C-alpha atoms as a PDB file:
ATOM      1  CA  MET A   1     -12.370   9.452   1.250  1.00  0.00           C
ATOM      2  CA  ASN A   2     -10.182  11.701   3.497  1.00  0.00           C
ATOM      3  CA  THR A   3      -6.785  10.561   2.722  1.00  0.00           C
ATOM      4  CA  ARG A   4      -5.432  12.192   5.944  1.00  0.00           C
ATOM      5  CA  VAL A   5      -6.719   9.158   8.051  1.00  0.00           C
ATOM      6  CA  THR A   6      -3.729   7.765  10.375  1.00  0.00           C
ATOM      7  CA  ILE A   7      -2.082   4.371  10.003  1.00  0.00           C
ATOM      8  CA  LEU A   8      -2.827   3.006  13.513  1.00  0.00           C
ATOM      9  CA  PRO A   9       0.050   0.905  14.809  1.00  0.00           C
ATOM     10  CA  HIS A  10      -0.179  -2.760  15.583  1.00  0.00           C
ATOM     11  CA  LYS A  11      -3.339  -3.779  13.212  1.00  0.00           C
ATOM     12  CA  GLY A  12      -1.371  -5.591  11.182  1.00  0.00           C
ATOM     13  CA  SER A  13       2.127  -6.391   9.536  1.00  0.00           C
ATOM     14  CA  LEU A  14       1.831  -4.274   6.232  1.00  0.00           C
ATOM     15  CA  SER A  15       0.765  -1.179   8.398  1.00  0.00           C
ATOM     16  CA  ASP A  16       3.116  -1.672  10.657  1.00  0.00           C
ATOM     17  CA  LEU A  17       6.123  -2.212   7.768  1.00  0.00           C
ATOM     18  CA  ALA A  18       4.624   1.133   6.248  1.00  0.00           C
ATOM     19  CA  LEU A  19       5.148   2.820   9.661  1.00  0.00           C
ATOM     20  CA  GLN A  20       8.687   1.809   9.783  1.00  0.00           C
ATOM     21  CA  LYS A  21       8.485   3.580   6.832  1.00  0.00           C
ATOM     22  CA  GLY A  22       7.631   6.450   7.527  1.00  0.00           C
ATOM     23  CA  VAL A  23       4.334   6.425   6.162  1.00  0.00           C
ATOM     24  CA  LYS A  24       1.414   8.140   8.732  1.00  0.00           C
ATOM     25  CA  ASN A  25      -1.411   8.280   6.652  1.00  0.00           C
ATOM     26  CA  LEU A  26      -3.259   7.388   3.756  1.00  0.00           C
ATOM     27  CA  ASP A  27      -1.653  10.411   1.916  1.00  0.00           C
ATOM     28  CA  GLY A  28       1.955   9.797   2.598  1.00  0.00           C
ATOM     29  CA  LEU A  29       1.517   6.038   1.456  1.00  0.00           C
ATOM     30  CA  LEU A  30      -0.365   7.329  -1.957  1.00  0.00           C
ATOM     31  CA  ILE A  31       3.144  10.055  -2.128  1.00  0.00           C
ATOM     32  CA  PHE A  32       5.207   7.206  -1.171  1.00  0.00           C
ATOM     33  CA  LEU A  33       3.848   4.613  -3.761  1.00  0.00           C
ATOM     34  CA  ARG A  34       3.635   7.548  -6.500  1.00  0.00           C
ATOM     35  CA  ALA A  35       7.671   7.619  -5.548  1.00  0.00           C
ATOM     36  CA  LEU A  36       8.842   4.236  -6.095  1.00  0.00           C
ATOM     37  CA  PRO A  37      10.918   3.470  -9.282  1.00  0.00           C
ATOM     38  CA  TYR A  38       8.909   0.797 -11.246  1.00  0.00           C
ATOM     39  CA  GLY A  39      10.268  -2.568 -11.376  1.00  0.00           C
ATOM     40  CA  ARG A  40       9.110  -6.007 -10.080  1.00  0.00           C
ATOM     41  CA  THR A  41       9.855  -7.619  -7.011  1.00  0.00           C
ATOM     42  CA  SER A  42      10.950 -11.203  -6.065  1.00  0.00           C
ATOM     43  CA  SER A  43       7.567 -11.764  -5.497  1.00  0.00           C
ATOM     44  CA  ARG A  44       4.049 -10.091  -6.473  1.00  0.00           C
ATOM     45  CA  GLU A  45       2.010 -12.164  -3.509  1.00  0.00           C
ATOM     46  CA  ASP A  46       4.332 -10.676  -1.041  1.00  0.00           C
ATOM     47  CA  LEU A  47       3.335  -7.497  -1.156  1.00  0.00           C
ATOM     48  CA  SER A  48       5.437  -6.958   1.538  1.00  0.00           C
ATOM     49  CA  LEU A  49       8.231  -6.491  -0.427  1.00  0.00           C
ATOM     50  CA  VAL A  50       7.251  -3.306  -2.093  1.00  0.00           C
ATOM     51  CA  LEU A  51       7.560  -1.644   0.977  1.00  0.00           C
ATOM     52  CA  SER A  52      10.972  -3.091   2.095  1.00  0.00           C
ATOM     53  CA  CYS A  53      12.480  -3.043  -1.486  1.00  0.00           C
ATOM     54  CA  HIS A  54      11.580   0.068  -2.422  1.00  0.00           C
ATOM     55  CA  ILE A  55       9.984  -1.094  -5.526  1.00  0.00           C
ATOM     56  CA  GLY A  56       6.667  -2.030  -7.469  1.00  0.00           C
ATOM     57  CA  THR A  57       5.065  -2.222 -10.580  1.00  0.00           C
ATOM     58  CA  CYS A  58       1.806  -0.472 -10.936  1.00  0.00           C
ATOM     59  CA  SER A  59      -0.053  -3.583 -10.129  1.00  0.00           C
ATOM     60  CA  THR A  60       1.759  -4.254  -6.588  1.00  0.00           C
ATOM     61  CA  LYS A  61       1.642  -0.698  -5.736  1.00  0.00           C
ATOM     62  CA  HIS A  62      -2.235  -0.610  -6.113  1.00  0.00           C
ATOM     63  CA  ALA A  63      -2.650  -3.923  -4.511  1.00  0.00           C
ATOM     64  CA  LEU A  64      -1.127  -3.023  -1.398  1.00  0.00           C
ATOM     65  CA  ILE A  65      -3.164  -0.172  -0.517  1.00  0.00           C
ATOM     66  CA  GLN A  66      -6.754  -2.361  -0.368  1.00  0.00           C
ATOM     67  CA  PRO A  67      -4.621  -4.951   2.649  1.00  0.00           C
ATOM     68  CA  ILE A  68      -3.424  -1.708   4.321  1.00  0.00           C
ATOM     69  CA  ALA A  69      -7.025   0.002   4.365  1.00  0.00           C
ATOM     70  CA  GLN A  70      -8.470  -3.496   5.595  1.00  0.00           C
ATOM     71  CA  GLU A  71      -6.159  -3.425   8.252  1.00  0.00           C
ATOM     72  CA  GLN A  72      -7.042  -0.164   9.427  1.00  0.00           C
ATOM     73  CA  LYS A  73     -10.880  -0.744   8.538  1.00  0.00           C
ATOM     74  CA  TRP A  74     -11.013   2.419   6.075  1.00  0.00           C
ATOM     75  CA  PRO A  75     -14.012   2.472   4.338  1.00  0.00           C
ATOM     76  CA  GLY A  76     -14.512   2.441   0.745  1.00  0.00           C
ATOM     77  CA  ILE A  77     -11.141   1.405  -0.556  1.00  0.00           C
ATOM     78  CA  ASP A  78     -11.081  -1.639  -2.408  1.00  0.00           C
ATOM     79  CA  LEU A  79      -9.117  -3.119  -5.133  1.00  0.00           C
ATOM     80  CA  VAL A  80     -11.400  -3.848  -8.387  1.00  0.00           C
ATOM     81  CA  LEU A  81      -9.774  -5.640 -11.433  1.00  0.00           C
ATOM     82  CA  VAL A  82     -11.169  -3.668 -14.411  1.00  0.00           C
ATOM     83  CA  MET A  83     -10.434  -5.513 -18.353  1.00  0.00           C
ATOM     84  CA  TYR A  84     -10.962  -3.723 -21.393  1.00  0.00           C
ATOM     85  CA  LYS A  85     -11.967  -5.007 -24.701  1.00  0.00           C
END
């Protein structure tokens, strides 16, 4: 997957929020999320809080990438749950 794929406006609320935060492409989204401090938002179901509150857990940061990819129709990005014994 090309990490320089652009985030287009008006494709979804999470994409638009990412653009408002200055995130312009997938690579920028990954850098932005990596730089956020670890912490819980007030609701782990509301992934927009990761962008608006500038904080997130590993799970919420990873979970945010997939709906933005869906909004943007980027192929090959899936959220997968893996459990180890």
